[in-house]
Amino acid sequence: MWGPRLHGLNQRRWQLFKANKRGYWSFWIFLVLFFVSMFAPIISNDRPMLVSYKGELLFPTFADYPEEKFGGFLARTDYRDPVNIEEITANGWMIWPLIRYSYNTVNNELPRPAPSPPAYSLTRDEACVKYAQGAAGAGCTFGNLNWLGTDDQGRDVIARLIYGFRISVAFGLILTLFSSIIGVAAGAVQGYFGGWTDLLFQRFIDIWTSMPTLYLLIILAAFITPTFWLLLFILVLFSWTGLVGVVRAEFLRARNFEYVRAARALGLSDTRIMLKHLLPNALVSTITFMPFILSGSVTTLTALDFLGFGLPPGSPSLGELVAQGKNNLQAPWLGLTAFFVVSIMLTLLVFIGEAVRDALDPRKTFA
């Protein structure tokens, strides 16, 4: 699709990337999965996508409507409440998402105590009977399928899986982007100027990388609850060193080439020489490492969530799902789901990294 619009070297690299079938198809599979997960609130939600009530169209997925609108008195509408369901269906209709649970929705209509295996919840008639009998939490809802069962709190596993996949990949992408920018800049300064600048920077990196990141997170977790952005900031502080050595070596190698000396003789500034003449060469090796850095970032977040030092409690997380599987060995669907999702995601990223490495290999590109 992109091939006709690429020329010369870039076209050759794209053809090499496509030639690696394993990495090429992994790229598209991963892209589709991430694209689908971006629409998690539309795919999996405990609110209808569209409501028609007394001739008015409402969009509960994107806006909060007070229960007063449907004859109630609460500040927010619970669309799973039997009274609200009967009121809306009597005066209009609702279109629900494919999965009628959000990541934090507790299912009180399970056929078995949580964690419950993959199965339908109570049917509408069964729920209405229990509601009429005054059973706590029961309501006149409809048969909802828990495709991958529920966790030990009665939350739908596939809903948490979709939201957790989105958060994990987004976190990994942002962490990879910021750490790569800082690492490339630091390596470029070291390699280009060399001398005392390089020596002092190297000693600083030796000291910085020796700091125990996990212990620091444990200490911080004792005082504050880590949020998405706070956790990202802390990990960026300690993950930017991964690309410094690669970029530094490339700048050290190329800083005395003839075209660089000619640029200096023409009066170009150091910043312009670094950005225009040296950085493009260093970006080849940087891009090669980025898929592996992304997989490492996702693994780091998963491990922190598994240990309880990651995202706030209740957040959808692959690491939290792994911990659920460890703590509930009697519910094998939890552990198996976590294992297959994490392993498949990391495998796809590794295959993509291998394809990118082949595409940027100068021995193949210039063959």
Protein backbone atom coordinates (compact mmCIF):
# COMPACT_ATOMS: atom_id res chain seq x y z
CA MET A 1 0.00 0.00 0.00
CA TRP A 2 2.77 2.43 0.88
CA GLY A 3 5.33 0.98 -1.56
CA PRO A 4 4.43 3.07 -4.65
CA ARG A 5 4.82 6.26 -2.63
CA LEU A 6 8.25 5.40 -1.33
CA HIS A 7 11.36 5.86 -3.39
CA GLY A 8 14.95 4.79 -3.37
CA LEU A 9 16.33 3.66 -0.06
CA ASN A 10 13.08 3.90 1.85
CA GLN A 11 11.30 1.79 -0.76
CA ARG A 12 14.03 -0.84 -0.48
CA ARG A 13 13.64 -0.86 3.32
CA TRP A 14 9.87 -1.24 3.06
CA GLN A 15 10.28 -4.18 0.68
CA LEU A 16 12.70 -5.83 3.12
CA PHE A 17 10.22 -5.28 5.93
CA LYS A 18 7.45 -6.90 3.88
CA ALA A 19 9.77 -9.79 2.98
CA ASN A 20 9.87 -10.76 6.64
CA LYS A 21 6.37 -12.26 6.62
CA ARG A 22 6.39 -13.02 10.32
CA GLY A 23 7.19 -9.45 11.28
CA TYR A 24 4.99 -7.92 8.57
CA TRP A 25 1.85 -9.76 9.64
CA SER A 26 2.69 -9.24 13.31
CA PHE A 27 2.81 -5.51 12.60
CA TRP A 28 -0.69 -5.49 11.11
CA ILE A 29 -2.13 -7.78 13.78
CA PHE A 30 -0.71 -5.60 16.55
CA LEU A 31 -1.90 -2.44 14.78
CA VAL A 32 -5.44 -3.80 14.45
CA LEU A 33 -5.54 -4.93 18.09
CA PHE A 34 -4.35 -1.56 19.35
CA PHE A 35 -6.72 0.31 17.03
CA VAL A 36 -9.66 -1.76 18.27
CA SER A 37 -8.65 -1.22 21.91
CA MET A 38 -8.73 2.55 21.37
CA PHE A 39 -12.51 2.21 21.02
CA ALA A 40 -12.84 0.29 24.29
CA PRO A 41 -15.65 2.53 25.68
CA ILE A 42 -17.72 1.75 22.56
CA ILE A 43 -16.96 -1.99 22.55
CA SER A 44 -17.21 -2.68 26.27
CA ASN A 45 -19.29 -0.49 28.55
CA ASP A 46 -22.02 -0.67 31.17
CA ARG A 47 -23.77 2.25 29.47
CA PRO A 48 -25.71 2.12 26.19
CA MET A 49 -24.08 3.63 23.13
CA LEU A 50 -27.33 5.28 22.07
CA VAL A 51 -30.61 5.92 23.90
CA SER A 52 -33.85 7.19 22.44
CA TYR A 53 -36.05 8.53 25.22
CA LYS A 54 -39.28 10.33 24.48
CA GLY A 55 -38.04 11.25 21.02
CA GLU A 56 -34.67 12.60 22.24
CA LEU A 57 -31.40 10.92 21.27
CA LEU A 58 -28.87 10.56 24.08
CA PHE A 59 -25.26 9.33 24.07
CA PRO A 60 -24.53 7.93 27.56
CA THR A 61 -21.13 6.57 26.52
CA PHE A 62 -19.81 10.10 26.01
CA ALA A 63 -21.92 12.12 28.45
CA ASP A 64 -23.31 11.80 31.97
CA TYR A 65 -27.05 12.26 32.28
CA PRO A 66 -28.73 12.75 35.68
CA GLU A 67 -31.30 10.19 36.68
CA GLU A 68 -33.81 13.03 36.90
CA LYS A 69 -34.02 12.86 33.12
CA PHE A 70 -35.60 9.41 33.45
CA GLY A 71 -37.78 10.20 36.44
CA GLY A 72 -35.24 9.38 39.16
CA PHE A 73 -33.36 11.47 41.67
CA LEU A 74 -29.67 10.44 41.53
CA ALA A 75 -26.93 12.61 40.06
CA ARG A 76 -25.85 9.89 37.60
CA THR A 77 -27.97 7.31 35.84
CA ASP A 78 -27.39 3.61 36.41
CA TYR A 79 -28.51 2.12 33.11
CA ARG A 80 -28.41 -1.40 34.57
CA ASP A 81 -30.97 -0.50 37.23
CA PRO A 82 -34.24 -2.34 36.47
CA VAL A 83 -36.36 0.75 37.15
CA ASN A 84 -34.35 2.81 34.64
CA ILE A 85 -34.39 -0.01 32.10
CA GLU A 86 -38.17 -0.31 32.28
CA GLU A 87 -38.62 3.47 32.08
CA ILE A 88 -36.38 3.86 29.02
CA THR A 89 -37.74 0.81 27.16
CA ALA A 90 -41.29 1.98 27.85
CA ASN A 91 -40.57 5.38 26.26
CA GLY A 92 -37.91 4.50 23.69
CA TRP A 93 -35.06 2.09 23.10
CA MET A 94 -31.37 1.48 23.85
CA ILE A 95 -28.43 0.21 21.78
CA TRP A 96 -25.85 -1.52 23.95
CA PRO A 97 -22.17 -2.23 23.20
CA LEU A 98 -21.04 -5.71 22.22
CA ILE A 99 -19.86 -6.31 25.80
CA ARG A 100 -22.21 -4.87 28.40
CA TYR A 101 -19.60 -4.36 31.10
CA SER A 102 -16.96 -1.75 31.72
CA TYR A 103 -13.64 -2.57 33.35
CA ASN A 104 -14.97 -1.67 36.81
CA THR A 105 -18.49 -3.06 36.50
CA VAL A 106 -19.30 -5.59 39.22
CA ASN A 107 -21.67 -8.27 37.99
CA ASN A 108 -24.13 -9.13 40.77
CA GLU A 109 -26.06 -11.65 38.68
CA LEU A 110 -23.47 -14.42 38.40
CA PRO A 111 -24.63 -18.04 38.31
CA ARG A 112 -21.71 -18.92 40.62
CA PRO A 113 -19.71 -17.03 43.25
CA ALA A 114 -16.84 -14.97 41.85
CA PRO A 115 -14.51 -15.76 40.27
CA SER A 116 -17.03 -17.22 37.85
CA PRO A 117 -16.09 -19.21 34.72
CA PRO A 118 -17.18 -18.15 31.21
CA ALA A 119 -20.97 -18.33 31.21
CA TYR A 120 -24.14 -16.33 30.82
CA SER A 121 -25.39 -14.28 33.72
CA LEU A 122 -28.97 -14.72 34.82
CA THR A 123 -31.48 -14.38 32.01
CA ARG A 124 -33.96 -11.53 32.08
CA ASP A 125 -36.75 -13.74 33.41
CA GLU A 126 -34.55 -15.26 36.13
CA ALA A 127 -33.32 -11.81 37.17
CA CYS A 128 -36.86 -10.45 37.28
CA VAL A 129 -37.98 -13.34 39.47
CA LYS A 130 -35.14 -12.68 41.91
CA TYR A 131 -35.90 -8.95 41.78
CA ALA A 132 -39.52 -9.62 42.58
CA GLN A 133 -38.41 -11.82 45.48
CA GLY A 134 -36.29 -8.96 46.83
CA ALA A 135 -32.88 -10.52 46.13
CA ALA A 136 -30.13 -8.00 46.77
CA GLY A 137 -28.47 -6.74 43.62
CA ALA A 138 -30.79 -8.59 41.22
CA GLY A 139 -32.60 -6.71 38.52
CA CYS A 140 -34.62 -7.14 35.33
CA THR A 141 -31.66 -7.05 32.99
CA PHE A 142 -30.83 -9.43 30.18
CA GLY A 143 -28.57 -12.41 29.53
CA ASN A 144 -25.02 -11.05 29.52
CA LEU A 145 -22.22 -13.34 28.42
CA ASN A 146 -18.97 -13.23 30.41
CA TRP A 147 -16.84 -14.46 27.53
CA LEU A 148 -13.75 -15.08 29.65
CA GLY A 149 -15.42 -15.30 33.05
CA THR A 150 -15.04 -12.87 35.91
CA ASP A 151 -12.32 -12.10 38.42
CA ASP A 152 -12.61 -12.50 42.18
CA GLN A 153 -14.52 -9.22 42.44
CA GLY A 154 -17.12 -10.14 39.85
CA ARG A 155 -15.68 -7.90 37.10
CA ASP A 156 -15.75 -9.10 33.51
CA VAL A 157 -12.32 -10.36 32.44
CA ILE A 158 -12.56 -9.51 28.75
CA ALA A 159 -13.66 -5.95 29.56
CA ARG A 160 -10.65 -5.46 31.83
CA LEU A 161 -8.50 -7.13 29.19
CA ILE A 162 -9.50 -4.67 26.46
CA TYR A 163 -8.99 -1.62 28.68
CA GLY A 164 -5.78 -3.05 30.17
CA PHE A 165 -4.31 -3.76 26.73
CA ARG A 166 -5.00 -0.18 25.70
CA ILE A 167 -3.38 1.27 28.81
CA SER A 168 -0.35 -1.04 28.59
CA VAL A 169 0.38 -0.27 24.94
CA ALA A 170 -0.26 3.46 25.35
CA PHE A 171 1.99 3.54 28.41
CA GLY A 172 4.70 1.64 26.54
CA LEU A 173 4.51 3.91 23.50
CA ILE A 174 4.70 7.11 25.53
CA LEU A 175 7.52 5.75 27.68
CA THR A 176 9.43 4.61 24.59
CA LEU A 177 8.95 7.98 22.90
CA PHE A 178 10.13 10.15 25.80
CA SER A 179 12.98 7.86 26.85
CA SER A 180 14.18 7.66 23.22
CA ILE A 181 14.15 11.44 22.80
CA ILE A 182 16.15 11.97 25.99
CA GLY A 183 18.50 9.06 25.28
CA VAL A 184 19.21 10.18 21.72
CA ALA A 185 19.88 13.76 22.83
CA ALA A 186 22.22 12.64 25.63
CA GLY A 187 24.10 10.20 23.39
CA ALA A 188 24.45 12.81 20.66
CA VAL A 189 25.96 15.38 23.01
CA GLN A 190 28.38 12.81 24.44
CA GLY A 191 29.51 11.45 21.11
CA TYR A 192 29.80 14.74 19.28
CA PHE A 193 31.75 16.72 21.84
CA GLY A 194 33.71 13.84 23.41
CA GLY A 195 36.52 14.68 25.82
CA TRP A 196 35.53 15.79 29.31
CA THR A 197 31.89 16.09 28.29
CA ASP A 198 31.79 12.42 27.35
CA LEU A 199 33.79 11.32 30.39
CA LEU A 200 31.69 13.21 32.95
CA PHE A 201 28.45 12.14 31.30
CA GLN A 202 29.53 8.50 31.35
CA ARG A 203 30.32 8.64 35.06
CA PHE A 204 26.94 10.28 35.70
CA ILE A 205 25.17 7.50 33.78
CA ASP A 206 27.08 4.85 35.74
CA ILE A 207 25.86 6.37 39.01
CA TRP A 208 22.32 6.97 37.71
CA THR A 209 21.83 3.42 36.42
CA SER A 210 23.03 1.95 39.72
CA MET A 211 20.05 3.43 41.58
CA PRO A 212 17.45 0.75 42.45
CA THR A 213 14.32 1.79 40.56
CA LEU A 214 12.06 -0.79 42.19
CA TYR A 215 13.05 0.27 45.72
CA LEU A 216 12.37 3.90 44.85
CA LEU A 217 8.91 2.98 43.58
CA ILE A 218 8.21 1.01 46.75
CA ILE A 219 9.24 4.00 48.88
CA LEU A 220 7.10 6.39 46.82
CA ALA A 221 4.12 4.01 46.97
CA ALA A 222 4.27 4.23 50.77
CA PHE A 223 3.67 7.99 50.63
CA ILE A 224 1.57 8.58 47.50
CA THR A 225 -0.59 6.50 45.17
CA PRO A 226 1.17 6.24 41.81
CA THR A 227 -0.91 7.58 38.93
CA PHE A 228 -0.44 6.92 35.22
CA TRP A 229 1.56 10.09 34.62
CA LEU A 230 3.55 9.94 37.85
CA LEU A 231 4.56 6.35 37.15
CA LEU A 232 5.45 7.32 33.60
CA PHE A 233 7.59 10.22 34.82
CA ILE A 234 9.49 8.01 37.28
CA LEU A 235 10.17 5.31 34.69
CA VAL A 236 11.30 7.86 32.09
CA LEU A 237 13.88 9.13 34.60
CA PHE A 238 15.52 5.70 34.68
CA SER A 239 14.84 4.26 31.20
CA TRP A 240 16.38 6.93 28.95
CA THR A 241 19.86 5.44 29.29
CA GLY A 242 19.03 2.47 27.06
CA LEU A 243 19.83 4.22 23.77
CA VAL A 244 22.67 6.45 24.95
CA GLY A 245 25.42 3.96 24.17
CA VAL A 246 24.21 3.24 20.63
CA VAL A 247 23.81 6.91 19.67
CA ARG A 248 27.05 7.90 21.40
CA ALA A 249 29.00 5.29 19.42
CA GLU A 250 27.50 6.48 16.14
CA PHE A 251 28.36 10.12 16.84
CA LEU A 252 31.87 9.23 18.01
CA ARG A 253 32.42 7.30 14.80
CA ALA A 254 31.09 9.94 12.44
CA ARG A 255 32.13 13.24 14.07
CA ASN A 256 35.51 13.29 12.27
CA PHE A 257 34.26 12.24 8.84
CA GLU A 258 35.18 14.54 5.98
CA TYR A 259 31.66 15.80 5.37
CA VAL A 260 31.42 16.82 9.04
CA ARG A 261 34.75 18.64 8.84
CA ALA A 262 33.57 20.36 5.66
CA ALA A 263 30.37 21.46 7.43
CA ARG A 264 32.43 22.95 10.26
CA ALA A 265 34.66 24.74 7.74
CA LEU A 266 31.58 26.25 6.12
CA GLY A 267 30.61 27.73 9.48
CA LEU A 268 27.64 25.52 10.34
CA SER A 269 26.77 25.49 14.01
CA ASP A 270 27.26 22.38 16.13
CA THR A 271 23.51 22.00 16.58
CA ARG A 272 22.89 22.08 12.83
CA ILE A 273 25.66 19.57 12.15
CA MET A 274 24.30 17.21 14.80
CA LEU A 275 20.70 17.43 13.58
CA LYS A 276 21.25 17.51 9.83
CA HIS A 277 24.37 15.42 9.20
CA LEU A 278 24.85 13.02 12.12
CA LEU A 279 21.43 12.33 13.60
CA PRO A 280 19.94 10.65 10.48
CA ASN A 281 22.66 8.00 10.63
CA ALA A 282 22.11 7.44 14.36
CA LEU A 283 18.34 7.13 13.91
CA VAL A 284 18.77 3.92 11.92
CA SER A 285 20.14 2.04 14.92
CA THR A 286 17.69 3.86 17.23
CA ILE A 287 14.63 2.78 15.27
CA THR A 288 15.96 -0.77 15.21
CA PHE A 289 15.91 -0.91 19.01
CA MET A 290 12.57 0.84 19.54
CA PRO A 291 10.25 -2.20 19.16
CA PHE A 292 12.34 -4.03 21.76
CA ILE A 293 12.25 -0.98 24.05
CA LEU A 294 8.47 -0.92 23.65
CA SER A 295 8.16 -4.58 24.64
CA GLY A 296 10.42 -3.91 27.63
CA SER A 297 8.28 -0.93 28.67
CA VAL A 298 5.09 -3.02 28.54
CA THR A 299 6.79 -5.77 30.53
CA THR A 300 7.93 -3.24 33.16
CA LEU A 301 4.41 -1.92 33.69
CA THR A 302 3.02 -5.46 33.83
CA ALA A 303 5.60 -6.48 36.42
CA LEU A 304 4.96 -3.40 38.58
CA ASP A 305 1.20 -3.97 38.48
CA PHE A 306 1.73 -7.62 39.37
CA LEU A 307 3.78 -6.59 42.42
CA GLY A 308 1.24 -3.93 43.41
CA PHE A 309 3.46 -0.90 42.75
CA GLY A 310 2.00 0.12 39.40
CA LEU A 311 -1.26 1.79 38.51
CA PRO A 312 -3.80 2.66 41.25
CA PRO A 313 -5.87 -0.24 42.63
CA GLY A 314 -8.86 -1.04 40.45
CA SER A 315 -7.23 0.17 37.24
CA PRO A 316 -7.48 -2.24 34.29
CA SER A 317 -4.09 -3.83 34.00
CA LEU A 318 -2.51 -6.92 32.50
CA GLY A 319 -0.24 -7.22 35.53
CA GLU A 320 -3.23 -7.14 37.86
CA LEU A 321 -4.81 -9.91 35.76
CA VAL A 322 -1.64 -11.98 36.17
CA ALA A 323 -1.84 -11.46 39.93
CA GLN A 324 -5.50 -12.53 39.84
CA GLY A 325 -4.47 -15.76 38.15
CA LYS A 326 -1.78 -16.41 40.77
CA ASN A 327 -4.13 -15.75 43.66
CA ASN A 328 -6.99 -17.82 42.23
CA LEU A 329 -5.52 -21.10 41.06
CA GLN A 330 -9.00 -22.62 41.26
CA ALA A 331 -9.98 -20.29 38.39
CA PRO A 332 -7.62 -21.34 35.56
CA TRP A 333 -9.28 -19.03 33.03
CA LEU A 334 -7.67 -16.05 34.77
CA GLY A 335 -4.12 -17.35 34.59
CA LEU A 336 -4.51 -18.73 31.06
CA THR A 337 -5.99 -15.49 29.77
CA ALA A 338 -3.19 -13.42 31.29
CA PHE A 339 -0.52 -15.79 30.00
CA PHE A 340 -1.76 -15.91 26.41
CA VAL A 341 -2.45 -12.17 26.12
CA VAL A 342 0.90 -11.06 27.52
CA SER A 343 2.89 -13.70 25.63
CA ILE A 344 1.13 -13.02 22.31
CA MET A 345 1.55 -9.25 22.68
CA LEU A 346 5.26 -9.49 23.48
CA THR A 347 5.79 -12.06 20.70
CA LEU A 348 4.21 -9.72 18.16
CA LEU A 349 6.46 -6.87 19.30
CA VAL A 350 9.58 -9.03 19.09
CA PHE A 351 8.66 -10.19 15.57
CA ILE A 352 8.09 -6.58 14.53
CA GLY A 353 11.48 -5.65 15.96
CA GLU A 354 13.17 -8.41 13.97
CA ALA A 355 11.52 -7.20 10.77
CA VAL A 356 12.58 -3.59 11.44
CA ARG A 357 16.13 -4.78 12.13
CA ASP A 358 16.22 -6.61 8.79
CA ALA A 359 14.79 -3.62 6.96
CA LEU A 360 17.44 -1.26 8.32
CA ASP A 361 20.35 -3.66 7.96
CA PRO A 362 22.79 -1.90 5.59
CA ARG A 363 24.10 -5.25 4.32
CA LYS A 364 20.63 -6.03 2.98
CA THR A 365 19.55 -2.50 2.14
CA PHE A 366 22.51 -1.83 -0.16
CA ALA A 367 22.81 -5.38 -1.51
